[in-house]
Protein backbone atom coordinates (compact mmCIF):
# COMPACT_ATOMS: atom_id res chain seq x y z
CA UNK A 1 -2.14 49.46 53.08
CA UNK A 2 -0.94 50.42 56.37
CA UNK A 3 -2.33 49.97 60.23
CA UNK A 4 -4.50 53.07 59.69
CA UNK A 5 -5.79 52.27 56.00
CA UNK A 6 -6.78 48.67 58.20
CA UNK A 7 -8.91 50.25 60.94
CA UNK A 8 -10.92 52.37 58.33
CA UNK A 9 -11.71 49.25 56.32
CA UNK A 10 -12.70 47.85 59.19
CA UNK A 11 -14.75 50.58 60.60
CA UNK A 12 -17.09 50.96 57.36
CA UNK A 13 -17.27 47.43 56.80
CA UNK A 14 -18.28 46.31 60.62
CA UNK A 15 -20.30 49.27 60.88
CA UNK A 16 -18.09 50.57 63.79
CA UNK A 17 -16.54 53.81 64.82
CA UNK A 18 -12.83 54.42 63.77
CA UNK A 19 -12.33 54.70 67.73
CA UNK A 20 -13.98 50.58 68.22
CA UNK A 21 -12.52 49.38 65.25
CA UNK A 22 -8.81 50.42 66.17
CA UNK A 23 -9.70 48.78 69.49
CA UNK A 24 -10.75 45.73 67.94
CA UNK A 25 -7.30 45.28 65.37
CA UNK A 26 -4.90 46.53 68.64
CA UNK A 27 -6.87 43.66 70.27
CA UNK A 28 -6.69 41.25 67.91
CA UNK A 29 -2.70 41.84 66.81
CA UNK A 30 -2.09 42.00 70.52
CA UNK A 31 -3.35 38.48 71.18
CA UNK A 32 -1.53 37.10 68.10
CA UNK A 33 1.74 38.34 69.48
CA UNK A 34 1.04 37.33 73.47
CA UNK A 35 0.01 33.81 71.90
CA UNK A 36 3.09 34.00 69.92
CA UNK A 37 5.34 34.87 72.73
CA UNK A 38 4.08 31.86 74.58
CA UNK A 39 5.56 29.82 71.95
CA UNK A 40 2.33 28.83 70.68
CA UNK A 41 1.24 28.86 66.90
CA UNK A 42 -1.68 30.90 66.19
CA UNK A 43 -3.80 28.90 62.80
CA UNK A 44 -6.43 31.41 61.06
CA UNK A 45 -8.65 28.91 59.04
CA UNK A 46 -8.28 29.56 55.07
CA UNK A 47 -5.81 32.40 55.80
CA UNK A 48 -2.27 31.14 56.88
CA UNK A 49 -0.55 30.16 60.57
CA UNK A 50 1.87 31.76 62.47
CA UNK A 51 4.34 30.03 64.82
CA UNK A 52 7.64 30.79 65.97
CA UNK A 53 11.07 29.20 65.07
CA UNK A 54 14.31 29.27 67.19
CA UNK A 55 17.33 30.61 64.90
CA UNK A 56 20.74 29.59 66.61
CA UNK A 57 23.49 31.49 67.07
CA UNK A 58 26.12 32.52 64.65
CA UNK A 59 28.95 34.73 64.09
CA UNK A 60 28.92 36.40 60.42
CA UNK A 61 30.74 38.72 58.45
CA UNK A 62 29.77 42.21 57.02
CA UNK A 63 30.92 42.52 53.63
CA UNK A 64 31.28 46.27 53.52
CA UNK A 65 33.42 46.57 56.91
CA UNK A 66 34.85 43.29 57.33
CA UNK A 67 33.93 42.83 60.73
CA UNK A 68 32.60 39.45 62.61
CA UNK A 69 29.48 39.74 64.58
CA UNK A 70 27.99 37.71 66.80
CA UNK A 71 24.21 37.36 66.79
CA UNK A 72 22.34 35.38 69.61
CA UNK A 73 20.53 32.52 69.56
CA UNK A 74 16.70 34.07 69.35
CA UNK A 75 12.88 32.64 68.41
CA UNK A 76 11.75 34.61 65.31
CA UNK A 77 7.68 34.88 63.59
CA UNK A 78 7.09 33.15 60.99
CA UNK A 79 4.05 32.66 58.39
CA UNK A 80 2.50 30.31 56.48
CA UNK A 81 -0.09 31.92 54.00
CA UNK A 82 -3.28 28.91 53.41
CA UNK A 83 -4.93 27.72 50.64
CA UNK A 84 -7.92 30.28 50.30
CA UNK A 85 -4.77 33.59 50.42
CA UNK A 86 -2.95 32.04 48.13
CA UNK A 87 -5.89 31.20 45.66
CA UNK A 88 -6.86 34.97 46.44
CA UNK A 89 -3.14 36.36 45.61
CA UNK A 90 -3.08 34.16 42.53
CA UNK A 91 -5.87 35.67 40.88
């Protein structure tokens, strides 16, 4: 499923125009990104939790070329599914 498919589903189920649904989905995703960028977590009850973790810098070797590459210390988003979502997927 793509973002376009989700927008169409939201428009149909919420009785919105596609433009209105697109704006709602865009605002929702932008807010999640904004909150994560501040280092806070986003908890959607029953769905899951989005959080940011810090990754240490390291040097890795690319096997194909035997080249050493340095990866800088950075932050990365993570998602942990909630119980309700897990149950839906297991079915």
